[in-house]
Amino acid sequence: MIPLVQTFGHLEFVLKLEEHVELREVPKYPQVLCPSNNRSMDVVRMMIDQILSLHPDVTQVHIGSDEVYHLGLCSRCIARMSKLPARKSDFPKVELFLDHVKTVATYVIQKHGKRVMMW
């Protein structure tokens, strides 16, 4: 078995809750987590920890990350993209995406010692 923990897109089950509305990339849509909100990784880490505590013997975890349709649209992300170095500024949304996925993957590897998969 390989558990799947959605960590970017497909987060309606979390982002529809009033307590997590500010974590949405677009306030109107509860699908995508804002990668520039510091609290976003707190929620992602909590979900990963919960799922892996229930499956301690798995060797891999799937972190989802597909269908991140709304990205780089909130004020935090726009400000973050504007500060990218020139060599990365041609594809700022790609940088946001990759940075979030790398942060999540690094957490899974360092904290739980699991291999990471994604779509």
PDB file of N, CA and C in Angstrom:
ATOM      1  N   MET A   1       0.824  -1.161   0.000  1.00  0.00           N
ATOM      2  CA  MET A   1       0.000   0.000   0.000  1.00  0.00           C
ATOM      3  C   MET A   1       0.883   1.244   0.000  1.00  0.00           C
ATOM      4  N   ILE A   2       0.444   2.244  -0.769  1.00  0.00           N
ATOM      5  CA  ILE A   2       1.123   3.532  -0.809  1.00  0.00           C
ATOM      6  C   ILE A   2       0.088   4.596  -0.468  1.00  0.00           C
ATOM      7  N   PRO A   3       0.171   5.196   0.715  1.00  0.00           N
ATOM      8  CA  PRO A   3      -0.814   6.227   1.073  1.00  0.00           C
ATOM      9  C   PRO A   3      -0.646   7.479   0.213  1.00  0.00           C
ATOM     10  N   LEU A   4      -1.775   8.099  -0.089  1.00  0.00           N
ATOM     11  CA  LEU A   4      -1.797   9.362  -0.825  1.00  0.00           C
ATOM     12  C   LEU A   4      -2.224  10.470   0.124  1.00  0.00           C
ATOM     13  N   VAL A   5      -1.389  11.494   0.224  1.00  0.00           N
ATOM     14  CA  VAL A   5      -1.719  12.676   1.014  1.00  0.00           C
ATOM     15  C   VAL A   5      -1.701  13.856   0.041  1.00  0.00           C
ATOM     16  N   GLN A   6      -2.858  14.419  -0.211  1.00  0.00           N
ATOM     17  CA  GLN A   6      -2.913  15.583  -1.093  1.00  0.00           C
ATOM     18  C   GLN A   6      -2.227  16.743  -0.379  1.00  0.00           C
ATOM     19  N   THR A   7      -1.264  17.362  -1.042  1.00  0.00           N
ATOM     20  CA  THR A   7      -0.480  18.412  -0.395  1.00  0.00           C
ATOM     21  C   THR A   7      -0.473  19.739  -1.143  1.00  0.00           C
ATOM     22  N   PHE A   8      -1.258  19.840  -2.226  1.00  0.00           N
ATOM     23  CA  PHE A   8      -1.249  21.079  -3.005  1.00  0.00           C
ATOM     24  C   PHE A   8      -2.622  21.312  -3.636  1.00  0.00           C
ATOM     25  N   GLY A   9      -2.977  20.514  -4.602  1.00  0.00           N
ATOM     26  CA  GLY A   9      -4.300  20.574  -5.212  1.00  0.00           C
ATOM     27  C   GLY A   9      -5.196  19.532  -4.571  1.00  0.00           C
ATOM     28  N   HIS A  10      -6.458  19.492  -4.969  1.00  0.00           N
ATOM     29  CA  HIS A  10      -7.430  18.527  -4.439  1.00  0.00           C
ATOM     30  C   HIS A  10      -7.603  18.642  -2.922  1.00  0.00           C
ATOM     31  N   LEU A  11      -7.520  19.836  -2.403  1.00  0.00           N
ATOM     32  CA  LEU A  11      -7.609  20.015  -0.948  1.00  0.00           C
ATOM     33  C   LEU A  11      -8.944  20.592  -0.491  1.00  0.00           C
ATOM     34  N   GLU A  12      -9.998  20.340  -1.275  1.00  0.00           N
ATOM     35  CA  GLU A  12     -11.318  20.835  -0.905  1.00  0.00           C
ATOM     36  C   GLU A  12     -11.733  20.375   0.489  1.00  0.00           C
ATOM     37  N   PHE A  13     -11.390  19.152   0.837  1.00  0.00           N
ATOM     38  CA  PHE A  13     -11.807  18.612   2.131  1.00  0.00           C
ATOM     39  C   PHE A  13     -11.235  19.391   3.308  1.00  0.00           C
ATOM     40  N   VAL A  14     -10.136  20.094   3.097  1.00  0.00           N
ATOM     41  CA  VAL A  14      -9.528  20.924   4.140  1.00  0.00           C
ATOM     42  C   VAL A  14      -9.884  22.397   3.947  1.00  0.00           C
ATOM     43  N   LEU A  15      -9.734  22.858   2.723  1.00  0.00           N
ATOM     44  CA  LEU A  15      -9.891  24.288   2.451  1.00  0.00           C
ATOM     45  C   LEU A  15     -11.333  24.767   2.448  1.00  0.00           C
ATOM     46  N   LYS A  16     -12.282  23.844   2.470  1.00  0.00           N
ATOM     47  CA  LYS A  16     -13.686  24.258   2.568  1.00  0.00           C
ATOM     48  C   LYS A  16     -14.039  24.669   4.002  1.00  0.00           C
ATOM     49  N   LEU A  17     -13.218  24.272   4.971  1.00  0.00           N
ATOM     50  CA  LEU A  17     -13.470  24.595   6.370  1.00  0.00           C
ATOM     51  C   LEU A  17     -13.141  26.063   6.656  1.00  0.00           C
ATOM     52  N   GLU A  18     -14.001  26.703   7.405  1.00  0.00           N
ATOM     53  CA  GLU A  18     -13.834  28.123   7.720  1.00  0.00           C
ATOM     54  C   GLU A  18     -12.461  28.422   8.339  1.00  0.00           C
ATOM     55  N   GLU A  19     -11.964  27.523   9.159  1.00  0.00           N
ATOM     56  CA  GLU A  19     -10.678  27.756   9.827  1.00  0.00           C
ATOM     57  C   GLU A  19      -9.482  27.744   8.880  1.00  0.00           C
ATOM     58  N   HIS A  20      -9.687  27.259   7.642  1.00  0.00           N
ATOM     59  CA  HIS A  20      -8.576  27.190   6.679  1.00  0.00           C
ATOM     60  C   HIS A  20      -8.803  28.013   5.424  1.00  0.00           C
ATOM     61  N   VAL A  21      -9.809  28.863   5.416  1.00  0.00           N
ATOM     62  CA  VAL A  21     -10.111  29.680   4.236  1.00  0.00           C
ATOM     63  C   VAL A  21      -8.905  30.530   3.829  1.00  0.00           C
ATOM     64  N   GLU A  22      -8.171  31.055   4.783  1.00  0.00           N
ATOM     65  CA  GLU A  22      -7.044  31.933   4.453  1.00  0.00           C
ATOM     66  C   GLU A  22      -5.877  31.184   3.814  1.00  0.00           C
ATOM     67  N   LEU A  23      -5.954  29.854   3.767  1.00  0.00           N
ATOM     68  CA  LEU A  23      -4.894  29.060   3.145  1.00  0.00           C
ATOM     69  C   LEU A  23      -5.137  28.826   1.651  1.00  0.00           C
ATOM     70  N   ARG A  24      -6.280  29.265   1.149  1.00  0.00           N
ATOM     71  CA  ARG A  24      -6.609  29.085  -0.267  1.00  0.00           C
ATOM     72  C   ARG A  24      -5.772  30.028  -1.134  1.00  0.00           C
ATOM     73  N   GLU A  25      -5.378  29.539  -2.277  1.00  0.00           N
ATOM     74  CA  GLU A  25      -4.697  30.407  -3.241  1.00  0.00           C
ATOM     75  C   GLU A  25      -5.667  31.450  -3.790  1.00  0.00           C
ATOM     76  N   VAL A  26      -6.888  31.037  -4.053  1.00  0.00           N
ATOM     77  CA  VAL A  26      -7.945  31.943  -4.523  1.00  0.00           C
ATOM     78  C   VAL A  26      -9.102  31.823  -3.536  1.00  0.00           C
ATOM     79  N   PRO A  27      -9.457  32.899  -2.853  1.00  0.00           N
ATOM     80  CA  PRO A  27     -10.488  32.812  -1.811  1.00  0.00           C
ATOM     81  C   PRO A  27     -11.799  32.155  -2.255  1.00  0.00           C
ATOM     82  N   LYS A  28     -12.180  32.359  -3.493  1.00  0.00           N
ATOM     83  CA  LYS A  28     -13.447  31.831  -4.005  1.00  0.00           C
ATOM     84  C   LYS A  28     -13.428  30.315  -4.204  1.00  0.00           C
ATOM     85  N   TYR A  29     -12.247  29.740  -4.415  1.00  0.00           N
ATOM     86  CA  TYR A  29     -12.129  28.317  -4.753  1.00  0.00           C
ATOM     87  C   TYR A  29     -11.305  27.557  -3.708  1.00  0.00           C
ATOM     88  N   PRO A  30     -11.848  26.483  -3.150  1.00  0.00           N
ATOM     89  CA  PRO A  30     -11.138  25.745  -2.095  1.00  0.00           C
ATOM     90  C   PRO A  30     -10.264  24.591  -2.601  1.00  0.00           C
ATOM     91  N   GLN A  31      -9.822  24.633  -3.840  1.00  0.00           N
ATOM     92  CA  GLN A  31      -9.069  23.493  -4.370  1.00  0.00           C
ATOM     93  C   GLN A  31      -7.574  23.523  -4.088  1.00  0.00           C
ATOM     94  N   VAL A  32      -6.961  24.703  -4.140  1.00  0.00           N
ATOM     95  CA  VAL A  32      -5.496  24.794  -4.125  1.00  0.00           C
ATOM     96  C   VAL A  32      -5.002  25.558  -2.901  1.00  0.00           C
ATOM     97  N   LEU A  33      -3.990  24.992  -2.283  1.00  0.00           N
ATOM     98  CA  LEU A  33      -3.323  25.571  -1.121  1.00  0.00           C
ATOM     99  C   LEU A  33      -2.361  26.666  -1.571  1.00  0.00           C
ATOM    100  N   CYS A  34      -2.301  27.760  -0.851  1.00  0.00           N
ATOM    101  CA  CYS A  34      -1.338  28.824  -1.144  1.00  0.00           C
ATOM    102  C   CYS A  34       0.041  28.389  -0.645  1.00  0.00           C
ATOM    103  N   PRO A  35       1.016  28.256  -1.550  1.00  0.00           N
ATOM    104  CA  PRO A  35       2.348  27.827  -1.119  1.00  0.00           C
ATOM    105  C   PRO A  35       3.152  28.922  -0.414  1.00  0.00           C
ATOM    106  N   SER A  36       2.633  30.144  -0.427  1.00  0.00           N
ATOM    107  CA  SER A  36       3.357  31.253   0.187  1.00  0.00           C
ATOM    108  C   SER A  36       2.839  31.617   1.570  1.00  0.00           C
ATOM    109  N   ASN A  37       1.796  30.952   2.003  1.00  0.00           N
ATOM    110  CA  ASN A  37       1.261  31.194   3.343  1.00  0.00           C
ATOM    111  C   ASN A  37       2.016  30.277   4.315  1.00  0.00           C
ATOM    112  N   ASN A  38       2.646  30.840   5.325  1.00  0.00           N
ATOM    113  CA  ASN A  38       3.442  30.041   6.270  1.00  0.00           C
ATOM    114  C   ASN A  38       2.630  28.951   6.954  1.00  0.00           C
ATOM    115  N   ARG A  39       1.342  29.183   7.164  1.00  0.00           N
ATOM    116  CA  ARG A  39       0.497  28.186   7.826  1.00  0.00           C
ATOM    117  C   ARG A  39       0.190  26.998   6.927  1.00  0.00           C
ATOM    118  N   SER A  40       0.349  27.148   5.629  1.00  0.00           N
ATOM    119  CA  SER A  40       0.050  26.054   4.707  1.00  0.00           C
ATOM    120  C   SER A  40       0.883  24.814   5.019  1.00  0.00           C
ATOM    121  N   MET A  41       2.169  24.997   5.219  1.00  0.00           N
ATOM    122  CA  MET A  41       3.023  23.840   5.517  1.00  0.00           C
ATOM    123  C   MET A  41       2.705  23.238   6.875  1.00  0.00           C
ATOM    124  N   ASP A  42       2.210  24.019   7.811  1.00  0.00           N
ATOM    125  CA  ASP A  42       1.795  23.458   9.098  1.00  0.00           C
ATOM    126  C   ASP A  42       0.685  22.430   8.888  1.00  0.00           C
ATOM    127  N   VAL A  43      -0.279  22.768   8.049  1.00  0.00           N
ATOM    128  CA  VAL A  43      -1.393  21.860   7.769  1.00  0.00           C
ATOM    129  C   VAL A  43      -0.905  20.637   6.992  1.00  0.00           C
ATOM    130  N   VAL A  44      -0.042  20.851   6.016  1.00  0.00           N
ATOM    131  CA  VAL A  44       0.496  19.738   5.229  1.00  0.00           C
ATOM    132  C   VAL A  44       1.277  18.781   6.123  1.00  0.00           C
ATOM    133  N   ARG A  45       2.135  19.317   6.979  1.00  0.00           N
ATOM    134  CA  ARG A  45       2.909  18.456   7.891  1.00  0.00           C
ATOM    135  C   ARG A  45       1.987  17.667   8.819  1.00  0.00           C
ATOM    136  N   MET A  46       0.950  18.304   9.325  1.00  0.00           N
ATOM    137  CA  MET A  46       0.010  17.617  10.210  1.00  0.00           C
ATOM    138  C   MET A  46      -0.669  16.456   9.480  1.00  0.00           C
ATOM    139  N   MET A  47      -1.097  16.679   8.248  1.00  0.00           N
ATOM    140  CA  MET A  47      -1.757  15.607   7.491  1.00  0.00           C
ATOM    141  C   MET A  47      -0.794  14.459   7.208  1.00  0.00           C
ATOM    142  N   ILE A  48       0.421  14.782   6.800  1.00  0.00           N
ATOM    143  CA  ILE A  48       1.428  13.752   6.532  1.00  0.00           C
ATOM    144  C   ILE A  48       1.711  12.953   7.794  1.00  0.00           C
ATOM    145  N   ASP A  49       1.919  13.639   8.904  1.00  0.00           N
ATOM    146  CA  ASP A  49       2.205  12.961  10.172  1.00  0.00           C
ATOM    147  C   ASP A  49       1.053  12.039  10.576  1.00  0.00           C
ATOM    148  N   GLN A  50      -0.176  12.504  10.417  1.00  0.00           N
ATOM    149  CA  GLN A  50      -1.333  11.682  10.784  1.00  0.00           C
ATOM    150  C   GLN A  50      -1.416  10.428   9.930  1.00  0.00           C
ATOM    151  N   ILE A  51      -1.293  10.589   8.633  1.00  0.00           N
ATOM    152  CA  ILE A  51      -1.400   9.436   7.729  1.00  0.00           C
ATOM    153  C   ILE A  51      -0.260   8.451   7.964  1.00  0.00           C
ATOM    154  N   LEU A  52       0.941   8.938   8.117  1.00  0.00           N
ATOM    155  CA  LEU A  52       2.072   8.026   8.303  1.00  0.00           C
ATOM    156  C   LEU A  52       2.092   7.401   9.688  1.00  0.00           C
ATOM    157  N   SER A  53       1.465   8.015  10.669  1.00  0.00           N
ATOM    158  CA  SER A  53       1.350   7.360  11.976  1.00  0.00           C
ATOM    159  C   SER A  53       0.403   6.156  11.886  1.00  0.00           C
ATOM    160  N   LEU A  54      -0.525   6.212  10.939  1.00  0.00           N
ATOM    161  CA  LEU A  54      -1.447   5.089  10.739  1.00  0.00           C
ATOM    162  C   LEU A  54      -0.856   3.998   9.849  1.00  0.00           C
ATOM    163  N   HIS A  55       0.204   4.326   9.132  1.00  0.00           N
ATOM    164  CA  HIS A  55       0.849   3.384   8.214  1.00  0.00           C
ATOM    165  C   HIS A  55       2.365   3.399   8.430  1.00  0.00           C
ATOM    166  N   PRO A  56       2.829   3.018   9.598  1.00  0.00           N
ATOM    167  CA  PRO A  56       4.256   3.159   9.908  1.00  0.00           C
ATOM    168  C   PRO A  56       5.183   2.271   9.079  1.00  0.00           C
ATOM    169  N   ASP A  57       4.658   1.209   8.491  1.00  0.00           N
ATOM    170  CA  ASP A  57       5.519   0.273   7.775  1.00  0.00           C
ATOM    171  C   ASP A  57       5.623   0.529   6.277  1.00  0.00           C
ATOM    172  N   VAL A  58       4.926   1.527   5.762  1.00  0.00           N
ATOM    173  CA  VAL A  58       5.035   1.794   4.332  1.00  0.00           C
ATOM    174  C   VAL A  58       6.417   2.364   4.032  1.00  0.00           C
ATOM    175  N   THR A  59       6.858   2.156   2.815  1.00  0.00           N
ATOM    176  CA  THR A  59       8.170   2.668   2.414  1.00  0.00           C
ATOM    177  C   THR A  59       8.061   3.910   1.543  1.00  0.00           C
ATOM    178  N   GLN A  60       6.847   4.166   1.035  1.00  0.00           N
ATOM    179  CA  GLN A  60       6.629   5.287   0.130  1.00  0.00           C
ATOM    180  C   GLN A  60       5.374   6.049   0.521  1.00  0.00           C
ATOM    181  N   VAL A  61       5.322   7.310   0.142  1.00  0.00           N
ATOM    182  CA  VAL A  61       4.107   8.113   0.322  1.00  0.00           C
ATOM    183  C   VAL A  61       3.931   8.945  -0.946  1.00  0.00           C
ATOM    184  N   HIS A  62       2.685   9.049  -1.369  1.00  0.00           N
ATOM    185  CA  HIS A  62       2.340   9.826  -2.560  1.00  0.00           C
ATOM    186  C   HIS A  62       1.868  11.196  -2.093  1.00  0.00           C
ATOM    187  N   ILE A  63       2.478  12.261  -2.616  1.00  0.00           N
ATOM    188  CA  ILE A  63       2.131  13.612  -2.163  1.00  0.00           C
ATOM    189  C   ILE A  63       1.224  14.359  -3.150  1.00  0.00           C
ATOM    190  N   GLY A  64       0.613  13.643  -4.063  1.00  0.00           N
ATOM    191  CA  GLY A  64      -0.330  14.273  -4.985  1.00  0.00           C
ATOM    192  C   GLY A  64       0.329  15.331  -5.841  1.00  0.00           C
ATOM    193  N   SER A  65      -0.134  16.554  -5.743  1.00  0.00           N
ATOM    194  CA  SER A  65       0.422  17.732  -6.424  1.00  0.00           C
ATOM    195  C   SER A  65      -0.021  17.886  -7.875  1.00  0.00           C
ATOM    196  N   ASP A  66      -1.095  17.214  -8.254  1.00  0.00           N
ATOM    197  CA  ASP A  66      -1.602  17.429  -9.603  1.00  0.00           C
ATOM    198  C   ASP A  66      -2.758  18.424  -9.571  1.00  0.00           C
ATOM    199  N   GLU A  67      -3.129  18.891 -10.721  1.00  0.00           N
ATOM    200  CA  GLU A  67      -4.261  19.799 -10.901  1.00  0.00           C
ATOM    201  C   GLU A  67      -4.188  21.042  -9.997  1.00  0.00           C
ATOM    202  N   VAL A  68      -3.023  21.630  -9.941  1.00  0.00           N
ATOM    203  CA  VAL A  68      -2.833  22.884  -9.219  1.00  0.00           C
ATOM    204  C   VAL A  68      -3.113  24.002 -10.231  1.00  0.00           C
ATOM    205  N   TYR A  69      -4.389  24.182 -10.509  1.00  0.00           N
ATOM    206  CA  TYR A  69      -4.800  25.119 -11.554  1.00  0.00           C
ATOM    207  C   TYR A  69      -4.656  26.577 -11.146  1.00  0.00           C
ATOM    208  N   HIS A  70      -4.868  26.882  -9.905  1.00  0.00           N
ATOM    209  CA  HIS A  70      -4.771  28.256  -9.421  1.00  0.00           C
ATOM    210  C   HIS A  70      -3.457  28.398  -8.654  1.00  0.00           C
ATOM    211  N   LEU A  71      -2.527  29.099  -9.233  1.00  0.00           N
ATOM    212  CA  LEU A  71      -1.221  29.260  -8.598  1.00  0.00           C
ATOM    213  C   LEU A  71      -0.646  30.623  -8.979  1.00  0.00           C
ATOM    214  N   GLY A  72      -0.041  31.269  -8.016  1.00  0.00           N
ATOM    215  CA  GLY A  72       0.575  32.553  -8.272  1.00  0.00           C
ATOM    216  C   GLY A  72      -0.421  33.687  -8.422  1.00  0.00           C
ATOM    217  N   LEU A  73      -1.586  33.541  -7.803  1.00  0.00           N
ATOM    218  CA  LEU A  73      -2.647  34.528  -7.964  1.00  0.00           C
ATOM    219  C   LEU A  73      -2.893  35.383  -6.726  1.00  0.00           C
ATOM    220  N   CYS A  74      -2.562  34.889  -5.557  1.00  0.00           N
ATOM    221  CA  CYS A  74      -2.825  35.666  -4.339  1.00  0.00           C
ATOM    222  C   CYS A  74      -1.719  36.703  -4.128  1.00  0.00           C
ATOM    223  N   SER A  75      -1.976  37.637  -3.263  1.00  0.00           N
ATOM    224  CA  SER A  75      -1.012  38.729  -3.046  1.00  0.00           C
ATOM    225  C   SER A  75       0.319  38.215  -2.495  1.00  0.00           C
ATOM    226  N   ARG A  76       0.284  37.184  -1.647  1.00  0.00           N
ATOM    227  CA  ARG A  76       1.541  36.639  -1.106  1.00  0.00           C
ATOM    228  C   ARG A  76       2.394  36.038  -2.223  1.00  0.00           C
ATOM    229  N   CYS A  77       1.751  35.259  -3.094  1.00  0.00           N
ATOM    230  CA  CYS A  77       2.491  34.620  -4.189  1.00  0.00           C
ATOM    231  C   CYS A  77       3.001  35.647  -5.191  1.00  0.00           C
ATOM    232  N   ILE A  78       2.185  36.646  -5.490  1.00  0.00           N
ATOM    233  CA  ILE A  78       2.616  37.697  -6.421  1.00  0.00           C
ATOM    234  C   ILE A  78       3.835  38.419  -5.859  1.00  0.00           C
ATOM    235  N   ALA A  79       3.804  38.753  -4.585  1.00  0.00           N
ATOM    236  CA  ALA A  79       4.950  39.417  -3.960  1.00  0.00           C
ATOM    237  C   ALA A  79       6.182  38.513  -3.978  1.00  0.00           C
ATOM    238  N   ARG A  80       5.984  37.248  -3.697  1.00  0.00           N
ATOM    239  CA  ARG A  80       7.099  36.287  -3.685  1.00  0.00           C
ATOM    240  C   ARG A  80       7.706  36.135  -5.086  1.00  0.00           C
ATOM    241  N   MET A  81       6.849  36.053  -6.113  1.00  0.00           N
ATOM    242  CA  MET A  81       7.346  35.902  -7.481  1.00  0.00           C
ATOM    243  C   MET A  81       8.105  37.142  -7.934  1.00  0.00           C
ATOM    244  N   SER A  82       7.695  38.301  -7.456  1.00  0.00           N
ATOM    245  CA  SER A  82       8.365  39.546  -7.866  1.00  0.00           C
ATOM    246  C   SER A  82       9.789  39.632  -7.319  1.00  0.00           C
ATOM    247  N   LYS A  83      10.092  38.839  -6.311  1.00  0.00           N
ATOM    248  CA  LYS A  83      11.420  38.870  -5.696  1.00  0.00           C
ATOM    249  C   LYS A  83      12.352  37.777  -6.216  1.00  0.00           C
ATOM    250  N   LEU A  84      11.885  36.998  -7.186  1.00  0.00           N
ATOM    251  CA  LEU A  84      12.728  35.930  -7.727  1.00  0.00           C
ATOM    252  C   LEU A  84      13.933  36.514  -8.459  1.00  0.00           C
ATOM    253  N   PRO A  85      15.066  35.845  -8.386  1.00  0.00           N
ATOM    254  CA  PRO A  85      16.239  36.308  -9.139  1.00  0.00           C
ATOM    255  C   PRO A  85      15.949  36.271 -10.650  1.00  0.00           C
ATOM    256  N   ALA A  86      16.667  37.050 -11.405  1.00  0.00           N
ATOM    257  CA  ALA A  86      16.420  37.177 -12.849  1.00  0.00           C
ATOM    258  C   ALA A  86      16.403  35.825 -13.556  1.00  0.00           C
ATOM    259  N   ARG A  87      17.272  34.920 -13.193  1.00  0.00           N
ATOM    260  CA  ARG A  87      17.344  33.635 -13.896  1.00  0.00           C
ATOM    261  C   ARG A  87      16.105  32.770 -13.657  1.00  0.00           C
ATOM    262  N   LYS A  88      15.341  33.052 -12.626  1.00  0.00           N
ATOM    263  CA  LYS A  88      14.143  32.279 -12.338  1.00  0.00           C
ATOM    264  C   LYS A  88      12.862  33.033 -12.666  1.00  0.00           C
ATOM    265  N   SER A  89      12.987  34.289 -13.039  1.00  0.00           N
ATOM    266  CA  SER A  89      11.792  35.111 -13.204  1.00  0.00           C
ATOM    267  C   SER A  89      11.025  34.837 -14.489  1.00  0.00           C
ATOM    268  N   ASP A  90      11.577  34.051 -15.407  1.00  0.00           N
ATOM    269  CA  ASP A  90      10.858  33.723 -16.637  1.00  0.00           C
ATOM    270  C   ASP A  90       9.710  32.755 -16.381  1.00  0.00           C
ATOM    271  N   PHE A  91       9.798  31.952 -15.351  1.00  0.00           N
ATOM    272  CA  PHE A  91       8.783  30.948 -15.044  1.00  0.00           C
ATOM    273  C   PHE A  91       8.431  31.003 -13.553  1.00  0.00           C
ATOM    274  N   PRO A  92       7.910  32.118 -13.084  1.00  0.00           N
ATOM    275  CA  PRO A  92       7.712  32.282 -11.630  1.00  0.00           C
ATOM    276  C   PRO A  92       6.726  31.283 -11.031  1.00  0.00           C
ATOM    277  N   LYS A  93       5.680  30.914 -11.742  1.00  0.00           N
ATOM    278  CA  LYS A  93       4.718  29.958 -11.192  1.00  0.00           C
ATOM    279  C   LYS A  93       5.344  28.569 -11.071  1.00  0.00           C
ATOM    280  N   VAL A  94       6.200  28.238 -12.011  1.00  0.00           N
ATOM    281  CA  VAL A  94       6.919  26.963 -11.936  1.00  0.00           C
ATOM    282  C   VAL A  94       7.792  26.941 -10.684  1.00  0.00           C
ATOM    283  N   GLU A  95       8.440  28.057 -10.397  1.00  0.00           N
ATOM    284  CA  GLU A  95       9.284  28.141  -9.205  1.00  0.00           C
ATOM    285  C   GLU A  95       8.461  27.965  -7.927  1.00  0.00           C
ATOM    286  N   LEU A  96       7.275  28.585  -7.873  1.00  0.00           N
ATOM    287  CA  LEU A  96       6.397  28.399  -6.711  1.00  0.00           C
ATOM    288  C   LEU A  96       6.036  26.936  -6.548  1.00  0.00           C
ATOM    289  N   PHE A  97       5.650  26.311  -7.648  1.00  0.00           N
ATOM    290  CA  PHE A  97       5.253  24.905  -7.623  1.00  0.00           C
ATOM    291  C   PHE A  97       6.404  24.023  -7.141  1.00  0.00           C
ATOM    292  N   LEU A  98       7.552  24.163  -7.786  1.00  0.00           N
ATOM    293  CA  LEU A  98       8.700  23.320  -7.447  1.00  0.00           C
ATOM    294  C   LEU A  98       9.183  23.533  -6.015  1.00  0.00           C
ATOM    295  N   ASP A  99       9.173  24.760  -5.560  1.00  0.00           N
ATOM    296  CA  ASP A  99       9.602  25.039  -4.197  1.00  0.00           C
ATOM    297  C   ASP A  99       8.689  24.352  -3.182  1.00  0.00           C
ATOM    298  N   HIS A 100       7.375  24.416  -3.416  1.00  0.00           N
ATOM    299  CA  HIS A 100       6.438  23.762  -2.492  1.00  0.00           C
ATOM    300  C   HIS A 100       6.632  22.249  -2.495  1.00  0.00           C
ATOM    301  N   VAL A 101       6.711  21.664  -3.678  1.00  0.00           N
ATOM    302  CA  VAL A 101       6.873  20.208  -3.780  1.00  0.00           C
ATOM    303  C   VAL A 101       8.185  19.766  -3.137  1.00  0.00           C
ATOM    304  N   LYS A 102       9.247  20.535  -3.360  1.00  0.00           N
ATOM    305  CA  LYS A 102      10.543  20.208  -2.747  1.00  0.00           C
ATOM    306  C   LYS A 102      10.464  20.295  -1.225  1.00  0.00           C
ATOM    307  N   THR A 103       9.792  21.304  -0.710  1.00  0.00           N
ATOM    308  CA  THR A 103       9.633  21.456   0.744  1.00  0.00           C
ATOM    309  C   THR A 103       8.869  20.272   1.335  1.00  0.00           C
ATOM    310  N   VAL A 104       7.790  19.883   0.682  1.00  0.00           N
ATOM    311  CA  VAL A 104       6.992  18.745   1.164  1.00  0.00           C
ATOM    312  C   VAL A 104       7.816  17.459   1.094  1.00  0.00           C
ATOM    313  N   ALA A 105       8.458  17.219  -0.037  1.00  0.00           N
ATOM    314  CA  ALA A 105       9.254  16.000  -0.205  1.00  0.00           C
ATOM    315  C   ALA A 105      10.390  15.925   0.811  1.00  0.00           C
ATOM    316  N   THR A 106      11.058  17.031   1.033  1.00  0.00           N
ATOM    317  CA  THR A 106      12.157  17.067   2.004  1.00  0.00           C
ATOM    318  C   THR A 106      11.642  16.729   3.401  1.00  0.00           C
ATOM    319  N   TYR A 107      10.483  17.250   3.751  1.00  0.00           N
ATOM    320  CA  TYR A 107       9.894  16.948   5.056  1.00  0.00           C
ATOM    321  C   TYR A 107       9.623  15.447   5.195  1.00  0.00           C
ATOM    322  N   VAL A 108       9.009  14.856   4.195  1.00  0.00           N
ATOM    323  CA  VAL A 108       8.683  13.426   4.241  1.00  0.00           C
ATOM    324  C   VAL A 108       9.952  12.589   4.375  1.00  0.00           C
ATOM    325  N   ILE A 109      10.962  12.928   3.612  1.00  0.00           N
ATOM    326  CA  ILE A 109      12.212  12.171   3.631  1.00  0.00           C
ATOM    327  C   ILE A 109      12.940  12.337   4.969  1.00  0.00           C
ATOM    328  N   GLN A 110      13.085  13.579   5.418  1.00  0.00           N
ATOM    329  CA  GLN A 110      13.861  13.832   6.633  1.00  0.00           C
ATOM    330  C   GLN A 110      13.143  13.397   7.903  1.00  0.00           C
ATOM    331  N   LYS A 111      11.853  13.660   7.990  1.00  0.00           N
ATOM    332  CA  LYS A 111      11.121  13.335   9.223  1.00  0.00           C
ATOM    333  C   LYS A 111      10.701  11.872   9.286  1.00  0.00           C
ATOM    334  N   HIS A 112      10.305  11.321   8.137  1.00  0.00           N
ATOM    335  CA  HIS A 112       9.717   9.980   8.147  1.00  0.00           C
ATOM    336  C   HIS A 112      10.555   8.930   7.422  1.00  0.00           C
ATOM    337  N   GLY A 113      11.579   9.341   6.694  1.00  0.00           N
ATOM    338  CA  GLY A 113      12.447   8.387   5.996  1.00  0.00           C
ATOM    339  C   GLY A 113      11.736   7.601   4.916  1.00  0.00           C
ATOM    340  N   LYS A 114      10.764   8.204   4.267  1.00  0.00           N
ATOM    341  CA  LYS A 114       9.989   7.526   3.224  1.00  0.00           C
ATOM    342  C   LYS A 114      10.371   8.062   1.853  1.00  0.00           C
ATOM    343  N   ARG A 115      10.193   7.219   0.842  1.00  0.00           N
ATOM    344  CA  ARG A 115      10.346   7.660  -0.548  1.00  0.00           C
ATOM    345  C   ARG A 115       9.101   8.441  -0.927  1.00  0.00           C
ATOM    346  N   VAL A 116       9.268   9.422  -1.791  1.00  0.00           N
ATOM    347  CA  VAL A 116       8.167  10.294  -2.179  1.00  0.00           C
ATOM    348  C   VAL A 116       7.799  10.057  -3.639  1.00  0.00           C
ATOM    349  N   MET A 117       6.493   9.985  -3.857  1.00  0.00           N
ATOM    350  CA  MET A 117       5.961   9.892  -5.217  1.00  0.00           C
ATOM    351  C   MET A 117       5.022  11.067  -5.424  1.00  0.00           C
ATOM    352  N   MET A 118       4.834  11.447  -6.673  1.00  0.00           N
ATOM    353  CA  MET A 118       3.844  12.478  -6.978  1.00  0.00           C
ATOM    354  C   MET A 118       3.357  12.257  -8.401  1.00  0.00           C
ATOM    355  N   TRP A 119       2.231  12.880  -8.713  1.00  0.00           N
ATOM    356  CA  TRP A 119       1.682  12.775 -10.067  1.00  0.00           C
ATOM    357  C   TRP A 119       2.578  13.500 -11.016  1.00  0.00           C
TER     358      TRP A 119
END
